[in-house]
């Protein structure tokens, strides 16, 4: 049975795709849950209109993602973390920490876009790939620097004789 998908379905297809599925799966799950619509002569015009609407929406979305990728590509952020003298962090820096710092710098980026295999546990400079869309990626430079313990001491009250 051929169906027009009204939303993304894992291992089947994405929004707007025409897929071939078993009739039981279509009648018992996809159609009753509003996930798919059976393709027939009566609803072909509706399906064509939906496809055109989806194409326009996807073009607008891609244009917005392209602007985001251009603004994010090559940017950098600095994360200050407590670390040992050898450069090992007390804790780690995750993709959520990086996304939060980018948000503080005025860049909205989903943490899931950042390709960070494992949390950062060392001081240093890291080049991360941000995959904004399967067809679009950009590079972000992340500086993980040591928190200055001396600054914390200087924030205390000055001596009484000064």
N, C-alpha and C. Protein backbone atom coordinates (compact mmCIF):
# COMPACT_ATOMS: atom_id res chain seq x y z
N UNK A 1 0.85 -1.17 0.00
CA UNK A 1 0.00 0.00 0.00
C UNK A 1 0.90 1.23 0.00
N UNK A 2 0.58 2.20 -0.85
CA UNK A 2 1.36 3.44 -0.93
C UNK A 2 0.75 4.49 -0.02
N UNK A 3 1.65 5.15 0.74
CA UNK A 3 1.22 6.19 1.66
C UNK A 3 2.07 7.43 1.48
N UNK A 4 1.46 8.57 1.77
CA UNK A 4 2.15 9.86 1.84
C UNK A 4 2.39 10.12 3.32
N UNK A 5 3.66 10.30 3.71
CA UNK A 5 3.99 10.51 5.12
C UNK A 5 3.78 11.96 5.53
N UNK A 6 3.07 12.15 6.64
CA UNK A 6 2.80 13.48 7.16
C UNK A 6 3.82 13.91 8.21
N UNK A 7 4.73 13.00 8.57
CA UNK A 7 5.82 13.31 9.50
C UNK A 7 6.94 12.30 9.30
N UNK A 8 8.09 12.59 9.88
CA UNK A 8 9.24 11.69 9.78
C UNK A 8 8.97 10.41 10.56
N UNK A 9 9.36 9.28 9.97
CA UNK A 9 9.23 7.99 10.64
C UNK A 9 10.58 7.29 10.51
N UNK A 10 11.17 6.92 11.65
CA UNK A 10 12.46 6.25 11.63
C UNK A 10 12.39 4.97 10.80
N UNK A 11 13.41 4.73 10.03
CA UNK A 11 13.56 3.53 9.20
C UNK A 11 12.46 3.37 8.15
N UNK A 12 11.71 4.44 7.86
CA UNK A 12 10.69 4.35 6.83
C UNK A 12 10.81 5.49 5.84
N UNK A 13 10.79 6.71 6.31
CA UNK A 13 10.90 7.86 5.42
C UNK A 13 10.71 9.15 6.17
N UNK A 14 10.83 10.24 5.45
CA UNK A 14 10.69 11.54 6.08
C UNK A 14 9.42 12.22 5.59
N UNK A 15 9.12 13.34 6.19
CA UNK A 15 7.94 14.12 5.87
C UNK A 15 7.84 14.38 4.37
N UNK A 16 6.71 14.05 3.78
CA UNK A 16 6.49 14.30 2.37
C UNK A 16 6.86 13.15 1.45
N UNK A 17 7.47 12.10 1.98
CA UNK A 17 7.85 10.96 1.15
C UNK A 17 6.63 10.10 0.83
N UNK A 18 6.68 9.47 -0.34
CA UNK A 18 5.68 8.46 -0.71
C UNK A 18 6.37 7.12 -0.51
N UNK A 19 5.80 6.29 0.38
CA UNK A 19 6.43 5.02 0.73
C UNK A 19 5.47 3.86 0.48
N UNK A 20 6.05 2.70 0.29
CA UNK A 20 5.29 1.46 0.11
C UNK A 20 5.40 0.67 1.41
N UNK A 21 4.27 0.39 2.06
CA UNK A 21 4.26 -0.37 3.31
C UNK A 21 3.23 -1.48 3.23
N UNK A 22 3.31 -2.42 4.15
CA UNK A 22 2.31 -3.49 4.23
C UNK A 22 0.98 -2.87 4.65
N UNK A 23 -0.10 -3.43 4.11
CA UNK A 23 -1.42 -2.84 4.35
C UNK A 23 -1.81 -2.87 5.83
N UNK A 24 -1.43 -3.91 6.56
CA UNK A 24 -1.75 -3.98 7.99
C UNK A 24 -1.06 -2.88 8.78
N UNK A 25 0.19 -2.61 8.47
CA UNK A 25 0.94 -1.55 9.14
C UNK A 25 0.31 -0.20 8.85
N UNK A 26 -0.13 -0.03 7.61
CA UNK A 26 -0.76 1.24 7.23
C UNK A 26 -2.11 1.41 7.92
N UNK A 27 -2.96 0.40 7.85
CA UNK A 27 -4.32 0.51 8.38
C UNK A 27 -4.38 0.52 9.91
N UNK A 28 -3.46 -0.22 10.54
CA UNK A 28 -3.51 -0.35 12.00
C UNK A 28 -2.69 0.68 12.75
N UNK A 29 -1.69 1.27 12.08
CA UNK A 29 -0.81 2.18 12.81
C UNK A 29 -0.67 3.54 12.14
N UNK A 30 -0.19 3.56 10.91
CA UNK A 30 0.14 4.84 10.27
C UNK A 30 -1.07 5.73 10.03
N UNK A 31 -2.11 5.19 9.43
CA UNK A 31 -3.29 6.01 9.10
C UNK A 31 -4.06 6.42 10.36
N UNK A 32 -4.36 5.51 11.31
CA UNK A 32 -5.10 5.94 12.51
C UNK A 32 -4.36 6.97 13.37
N UNK A 33 -3.04 6.91 13.37
CA UNK A 33 -2.26 7.86 14.18
C UNK A 33 -1.95 9.14 13.43
N UNK A 34 -2.46 9.29 12.22
CA UNK A 34 -2.27 10.52 11.46
C UNK A 34 -0.86 10.68 10.91
N UNK A 35 -0.13 9.60 10.80
CA UNK A 35 1.24 9.65 10.32
C UNK A 35 1.29 9.59 8.80
N UNK A 36 0.34 8.89 8.20
CA UNK A 36 0.34 8.75 6.75
C UNK A 36 -1.06 8.85 6.19
N UNK A 37 -1.12 9.13 4.88
CA UNK A 37 -2.39 9.23 4.16
C UNK A 37 -2.28 8.32 2.94
N UNK A 38 -3.31 7.50 2.74
CA UNK A 38 -3.30 6.60 1.59
C UNK A 38 -3.39 7.40 0.30
N UNK A 39 -2.61 6.98 -0.67
CA UNK A 39 -2.61 7.67 -1.95
C UNK A 39 -3.73 7.08 -2.80
N UNK A 40 -4.62 7.95 -3.22
CA UNK A 40 -5.71 7.56 -4.10
C UNK A 40 -6.04 8.72 -5.02
N UNK A 41 -6.91 8.49 -5.98
CA UNK A 41 -7.27 9.54 -6.93
C UNK A 41 -7.95 10.71 -6.22
N UNK A 42 -8.72 10.42 -5.19
CA UNK A 42 -9.47 11.48 -4.51
C UNK A 42 -8.56 12.47 -3.79
N UNK A 43 -7.46 12.02 -3.26
CA UNK A 43 -6.62 12.94 -2.49
C UNK A 43 -5.30 13.28 -3.17
N UNK A 44 -5.16 13.01 -4.46
CA UNK A 44 -3.92 13.32 -5.19
C UNK A 44 -3.68 14.83 -5.23
N UNK A 45 -4.73 15.63 -5.43
CA UNK A 45 -4.55 17.08 -5.47
C UNK A 45 -4.06 17.59 -4.11
N UNK A 46 -4.63 17.06 -3.03
CA UNK A 46 -4.21 17.46 -1.70
C UNK A 46 -2.75 17.10 -1.47
N UNK A 47 -2.35 15.91 -1.90
CA UNK A 47 -0.97 15.46 -1.72
C UNK A 47 -0.02 16.35 -2.52
N UNK A 48 -0.38 16.69 -3.74
CA UNK A 48 0.47 17.56 -4.56
C UNK A 48 0.61 18.95 -3.91
N UNK A 49 -0.49 19.47 -3.38
CA UNK A 49 -0.44 20.77 -2.70
C UNK A 49 0.46 20.69 -1.46
N UNK A 50 0.37 19.59 -0.72
CA UNK A 50 1.21 19.41 0.46
C UNK A 50 2.69 19.33 0.07
N UNK A 51 2.98 18.63 -1.02
CA UNK A 51 4.37 18.53 -1.49
C UNK A 51 4.93 19.90 -1.86
N UNK A 52 4.13 20.71 -2.57
CA UNK A 52 4.59 22.05 -2.94
C UNK A 52 4.82 22.90 -1.69
N UNK A 53 3.91 22.81 -0.73
CA UNK A 53 4.05 23.57 0.51
C UNK A 53 5.30 23.13 1.27
N UNK A 54 5.55 21.83 1.30
CA UNK A 54 6.74 21.32 1.98
C UNK A 54 8.02 21.75 1.29
N UNK A 55 8.02 21.79 -0.03
CA UNK A 55 9.20 22.23 -0.78
C UNK A 55 9.53 23.69 -0.46
N UNK A 56 8.50 24.54 -0.44
CA UNK A 56 8.71 25.96 -0.12
C UNK A 56 9.23 26.10 1.31
N UNK A 57 8.61 25.36 2.23
CA UNK A 57 9.03 25.41 3.63
C UNK A 57 10.47 24.94 3.78
N UNK A 58 10.85 23.88 3.08
CA UNK A 58 12.21 23.35 3.16
C UNK A 58 13.22 24.33 2.58
N UNK A 59 12.86 25.03 1.50
CA UNK A 59 13.76 26.03 0.92
C UNK A 59 13.99 27.18 1.90
N UNK A 60 12.93 27.63 2.57
CA UNK A 60 13.06 28.70 3.57
C UNK A 60 13.93 28.24 4.74
N UNK A 61 13.70 27.00 5.17
CA UNK A 61 14.47 26.44 6.28
C UNK A 61 15.95 26.32 5.92
N UNK A 62 16.23 25.86 4.71
CA UNK A 62 17.62 25.71 4.26
C UNK A 62 18.31 27.08 4.17
N UNK A 63 17.58 28.11 3.73
CA UNK A 63 18.16 29.45 3.65
C UNK A 63 18.52 29.95 5.05
N UNK A 64 17.64 29.71 6.01
CA UNK A 64 17.92 30.10 7.39
C UNK A 64 19.10 29.33 7.97
N UNK A 65 19.17 28.04 7.67
CA UNK A 65 20.28 27.23 8.16
C UNK A 65 21.60 27.64 7.52
N UNK A 66 21.54 28.06 6.25
CA UNK A 66 22.75 28.51 5.57
C UNK A 66 23.28 29.79 6.22
N UNK A 67 22.38 30.71 6.56
CA UNK A 67 22.79 31.93 7.26
C UNK A 67 23.40 31.61 8.62
N UNK A 68 22.79 30.67 9.32
CA UNK A 68 23.31 30.25 10.62
C UNK A 68 24.70 29.64 10.47
N UNK A 69 24.86 28.77 9.47
CA UNK A 69 26.16 28.13 9.24
C UNK A 69 27.23 29.16 8.91
N UNK A 70 26.89 30.16 8.12
CA UNK A 70 27.86 31.20 7.77
C UNK A 70 28.25 32.02 9.00
N UNK A 71 27.30 32.28 9.88
CA UNK A 71 27.61 33.07 11.07
C UNK A 71 28.40 32.26 12.10
N UNK A 72 28.18 30.96 12.15
CA UNK A 72 28.84 30.12 13.14
C UNK A 72 30.22 29.67 12.67
N UNK A 73 30.39 29.49 11.36
CA UNK A 73 31.64 28.94 10.83
C UNK A 73 32.83 29.82 11.19
N UNK A 74 33.81 29.22 11.81
CA UNK A 74 35.02 29.95 12.16
C UNK A 74 34.96 30.70 13.48
N UNK A 75 33.81 30.71 14.14
CA UNK A 75 33.72 31.44 15.41
C UNK A 75 34.45 30.64 16.50
N UNK A 76 34.70 31.30 17.59
CA UNK A 76 35.37 30.62 18.69
C UNK A 76 34.71 30.99 20.00
N UNK A 77 34.88 30.13 20.97
CA UNK A 77 34.38 30.43 22.31
C UNK A 77 35.42 29.96 23.32
N UNK A 78 35.45 30.64 24.44
CA UNK A 78 36.41 30.33 25.49
C UNK A 78 35.66 29.85 26.72
N UNK A 79 36.07 28.69 27.20
CA UNK A 79 35.49 28.13 28.41
C UNK A 79 36.56 28.14 29.50
N UNK A 80 36.21 28.67 30.65
CA UNK A 80 37.14 28.74 31.77
C UNK A 80 36.78 27.62 32.73
N UNK A 81 37.77 26.78 33.03
CA UNK A 81 37.52 25.63 33.89
C UNK A 81 38.65 25.47 34.90
N UNK A 82 38.32 24.92 36.04
CA UNK A 82 39.34 24.63 37.04
C UNK A 82 40.13 23.41 36.59
N UNK A 83 41.46 23.50 36.74
CA UNK A 83 42.31 22.41 36.27
C UNK A 83 43.53 22.27 37.16
N UNK A 84 44.19 21.12 37.05
CA UNK A 84 45.43 20.88 37.79
C UNK A 84 46.57 21.58 37.08
N UNK A 85 47.74 21.55 37.70
CA UNK A 85 48.93 22.15 37.08
C UNK A 85 49.30 21.43 35.78
N UNK A 86 48.97 20.15 35.68
CA UNK A 86 49.29 19.37 34.48
C UNK A 86 48.29 19.61 33.35
N UNK A 87 47.21 20.30 33.62
CA UNK A 87 46.23 20.61 32.59
C UNK A 87 45.02 19.69 32.56
N UNK A 88 44.87 18.83 33.56
CA UNK A 88 43.70 17.96 33.64
C UNK A 88 42.57 18.73 34.32
N UNK A 89 41.39 18.67 33.75
CA UNK A 89 40.25 19.41 34.31
C UNK A 89 39.67 18.70 35.52
N UNK A 90 39.17 19.48 36.47
CA UNK A 90 38.36 18.95 37.54
C UNK A 90 36.95 18.86 36.98
N UNK A 91 36.58 17.73 36.47
CA UNK A 91 35.31 17.58 35.77
C UNK A 91 35.58 17.50 34.28
N UNK A 92 34.64 17.99 33.48
CA UNK A 92 34.82 17.94 32.03
C UNK A 92 33.97 19.02 31.37
N UNK A 93 34.22 19.21 30.08
CA UNK A 93 33.44 20.17 29.28
C UNK A 93 32.63 19.35 28.29
N UNK A 94 31.32 19.48 28.33
CA UNK A 94 30.44 18.72 27.44
C UNK A 94 29.92 19.60 26.32
N UNK A 95 29.21 18.98 25.39
CA UNK A 95 28.62 19.74 24.29
C UNK A 95 27.59 20.74 24.80
N UNK A 96 26.92 20.42 25.90
CA UNK A 96 25.95 21.35 26.49
C UNK A 96 26.67 22.59 27.04
N UNK A 97 27.84 22.40 27.66
CA UNK A 97 28.62 23.54 28.16
C UNK A 97 29.04 24.46 27.02
N UNK A 98 29.46 23.86 25.91
CA UNK A 98 29.88 24.64 24.75
C UNK A 98 28.70 25.40 24.17
N UNK A 99 27.55 24.72 24.04
CA UNK A 99 26.35 25.37 23.51
C UNK A 99 25.90 26.51 24.42
N UNK A 100 26.01 26.33 25.74
CA UNK A 100 25.64 27.40 26.68
C UNK A 100 26.55 28.61 26.51
N UNK A 101 27.86 28.37 26.34
CA UNK A 101 28.79 29.48 26.15
C UNK A 101 28.52 30.19 24.82
N UNK A 102 28.23 29.43 23.77
CA UNK A 102 27.89 30.04 22.49
C UNK A 102 26.62 30.88 22.62
N UNK A 103 25.65 30.38 23.39
CA UNK A 103 24.41 31.13 23.62
C UNK A 103 24.72 32.44 24.34
N UNK A 104 25.62 32.39 25.31
CA UNK A 104 26.02 33.62 26.02
C UNK A 104 26.72 34.59 25.07
N UNK A 105 27.38 34.06 24.04
CA UNK A 105 28.05 34.90 23.05
C UNK A 105 27.10 35.35 21.93
N UNK A 106 25.83 34.94 22.01
CA UNK A 106 24.84 35.38 21.04
C UNK A 106 24.63 34.44 19.86
N UNK A 107 25.11 33.21 19.96
CA UNK A 107 24.94 32.24 18.87
C UNK A 107 24.07 31.10 19.37
N UNK A 108 22.92 30.92 18.72
CA UNK A 108 21.99 29.86 19.09
C UNK A 108 22.35 28.60 18.32
N UNK A 109 22.77 27.55 19.05
CA UNK A 109 23.14 26.30 18.41
C UNK A 109 22.71 25.15 19.32
N UNK A 110 22.07 24.17 18.73
CA UNK A 110 21.62 23.00 19.47
C UNK A 110 22.83 22.15 19.87
N UNK A 111 22.92 21.71 21.12
CA UNK A 111 24.07 20.89 21.53
C UNK A 111 24.20 19.60 20.73
N UNK A 112 23.09 19.08 20.23
CA UNK A 112 23.14 17.84 19.44
C UNK A 112 23.87 18.04 18.12
N UNK A 113 23.98 19.27 17.66
CA UNK A 113 24.69 19.56 16.40
C UNK A 113 26.20 19.40 16.55
N UNK A 114 26.71 19.57 17.76
CA UNK A 114 28.15 19.52 17.98
C UNK A 114 28.62 18.07 17.98
N UNK A 115 29.64 17.80 17.18
CA UNK A 115 30.18 16.45 17.11
C UNK A 115 31.34 16.33 18.09
N UNK A 116 31.00 15.99 19.31
CA UNK A 116 31.97 15.82 20.38
C UNK A 116 31.90 14.36 20.81
N UNK A 117 32.93 13.58 20.46
CA UNK A 117 32.90 12.15 20.73
C UNK A 117 32.81 11.84 22.21
N UNK A 118 33.59 12.56 23.00
CA UNK A 118 33.57 12.39 24.45
C UNK A 118 33.85 13.75 25.08
N UNK A 119 33.45 13.94 26.32
CA UNK A 119 33.67 15.23 26.97
C UNK A 119 35.16 15.59 27.01
N UNK A 120 35.44 16.88 26.95
CA UNK A 120 36.81 17.39 26.99
C UNK A 120 37.29 17.37 28.44
N UNK A 121 38.46 16.77 28.67
CA UNK A 121 38.98 16.66 30.03
C UNK A 121 40.37 17.25 30.18
N UNK A 122 40.84 17.96 29.15
CA UNK A 122 42.17 18.56 29.17
C UNK A 122 42.06 20.02 28.73
N UNK A 123 42.98 20.85 29.22
CA UNK A 123 43.07 22.23 28.72
C UNK A 123 43.58 22.18 27.29
N UNK A 124 43.19 23.16 26.49
CA UNK A 124 43.71 23.21 25.13
C UNK A 124 42.75 23.87 24.17
N UNK A 125 43.11 23.78 22.89
CA UNK A 125 42.30 24.35 21.81
C UNK A 125 41.74 23.19 21.00
N UNK A 126 40.44 23.20 20.78
CA UNK A 126 39.77 22.11 20.08
C UNK A 126 38.98 22.67 18.91
N UNK A 127 39.07 22.01 17.76
CA UNK A 127 38.26 22.36 16.60
C UNK A 127 37.11 21.36 16.54
N UNK A 128 35.90 21.85 16.73
CA UNK A 128 34.72 20.99 16.70
C UNK A 128 33.95 21.22 15.42
N UNK A 129 33.34 20.15 14.93
CA UNK A 129 32.47 20.25 13.76
C UNK A 129 31.04 20.35 14.27
N UNK A 130 30.32 21.34 13.78
CA UNK A 130 28.90 21.49 14.09
C UNK A 130 28.13 21.11 12.84
N UNK A 131 27.37 20.03 12.91
CA UNK A 131 26.58 19.57 11.78
C UNK A 131 25.17 20.11 11.94
N UNK A 132 24.93 21.25 11.29
CA UNK A 132 23.66 21.95 11.40
C UNK A 132 22.57 21.22 10.62
N UNK A 133 22.95 20.61 9.54
CA UNK A 133 22.06 19.87 8.65
C UNK A 133 22.90 18.76 8.05
N UNK A 134 22.31 17.65 7.62
CA UNK A 134 23.14 16.60 7.02
C UNK A 134 24.01 17.09 5.86
N UNK A 135 23.60 18.16 5.21
CA UNK A 135 24.37 18.69 4.09
C UNK A 135 25.21 19.92 4.47
N UNK A 136 25.09 20.41 5.70
CA UNK A 136 25.80 21.62 6.13
C UNK A 136 26.55 21.37 7.42
N UNK A 137 27.81 21.75 7.40
CA UNK A 137 28.59 21.68 8.63
C UNK A 137 29.53 22.88 8.70
N UNK A 138 29.94 23.22 9.90
CA UNK A 138 30.86 24.33 10.09
C UNK A 138 31.80 23.98 11.25
N UNK A 139 32.86 24.76 11.37
CA UNK A 139 33.88 24.50 12.38
C UNK A 139 33.85 25.58 13.46
N UNK A 140 33.95 25.15 14.69
CA UNK A 140 33.98 26.05 15.83
C UNK A 140 35.26 25.76 16.62
N UNK A 141 35.97 26.82 16.96
CA UNK A 141 37.19 26.67 17.76
C UNK A 141 36.82 26.89 19.22
N UNK A 142 37.15 25.92 20.05
CA UNK A 142 36.85 25.98 21.48
C UNK A 142 38.16 26.05 22.25
N UNK A 143 38.30 27.09 23.04
CA UNK A 143 39.47 27.28 23.90
C UNK A 143 39.06 26.89 25.31
N UNK A 144 39.72 25.91 25.88
CA UNK A 144 39.48 25.54 27.27
C UNK A 144 40.70 26.02 28.05
N UNK A 145 40.49 27.04 28.89
CA UNK A 145 41.60 27.66 29.62
C UNK A 145 41.40 27.47 31.12
N UNK A 146 42.51 27.57 31.83
CA UNK A 146 42.50 27.36 33.27
C UNK A 146 41.95 28.59 33.98
N UNK A 147 41.11 28.34 34.98
CA UNK A 147 40.60 29.43 35.82
C UNK A 147 41.76 29.96 36.64
N UNK A 148 41.83 31.27 36.77
CA UNK A 148 42.92 31.92 37.49
C UNK A 148 42.61 31.92 38.97
N UNK A 149 43.32 31.11 39.76
CA UNK A 149 43.09 31.06 41.20
C UNK A 149 43.51 32.34 41.89
N UNK A 150 44.49 33.05 41.31
CA UNK A 150 44.96 34.30 41.91
C UNK A 150 43.88 35.37 41.88
N UNK A 151 43.03 35.35 40.86
CA UNK A 151 41.94 36.33 40.79
C UNK A 151 40.99 36.15 41.96
N UNK A 152 40.74 34.89 42.36
CA UNK A 152 39.85 34.64 43.48
C UNK A 152 40.43 35.23 44.77
N UNK A 153 41.77 35.13 44.94
CA UNK A 153 42.40 35.68 46.13
C UNK A 153 42.35 37.20 46.13
N UNK A 154 42.46 37.84 44.98
CA UNK A 154 42.48 39.30 44.91
C UNK A 154 41.09 39.90 45.14
N UNK A 155 40.05 39.10 45.05
CA UNK A 155 38.69 39.60 45.26
C UNK A 155 38.36 39.75 46.74
N UNK A 156 39.22 39.20 47.61
CA UNK A 156 38.97 39.30 49.05
C UNK A 156 39.15 40.75 49.50
N UNK A 157 38.73 41.04 50.73
CA UNK A 157 38.85 42.39 51.28
C UNK A 157 40.32 42.78 51.37
N UNK A 158 40.65 44.06 51.03
CA UNK A 158 42.04 44.51 51.15
C UNK A 158 42.45 44.59 52.61
N UNK A 159 43.74 44.51 52.89
CA UNK A 159 44.21 44.60 54.28
C UNK A 159 43.80 45.94 54.90
N UNK A 160 43.64 45.96 56.22
CA UNK A 160 43.16 47.14 56.92
C UNK A 160 44.15 48.30 56.85
N UNK A 161 45.46 48.02 56.72
CA UNK A 161 46.46 49.07 56.70
C UNK A 161 46.63 49.72 55.34
N UNK A 162 45.94 49.31 54.33
CA UNK A 162 46.17 49.84 52.98
C UNK A 162 45.37 51.06 52.68
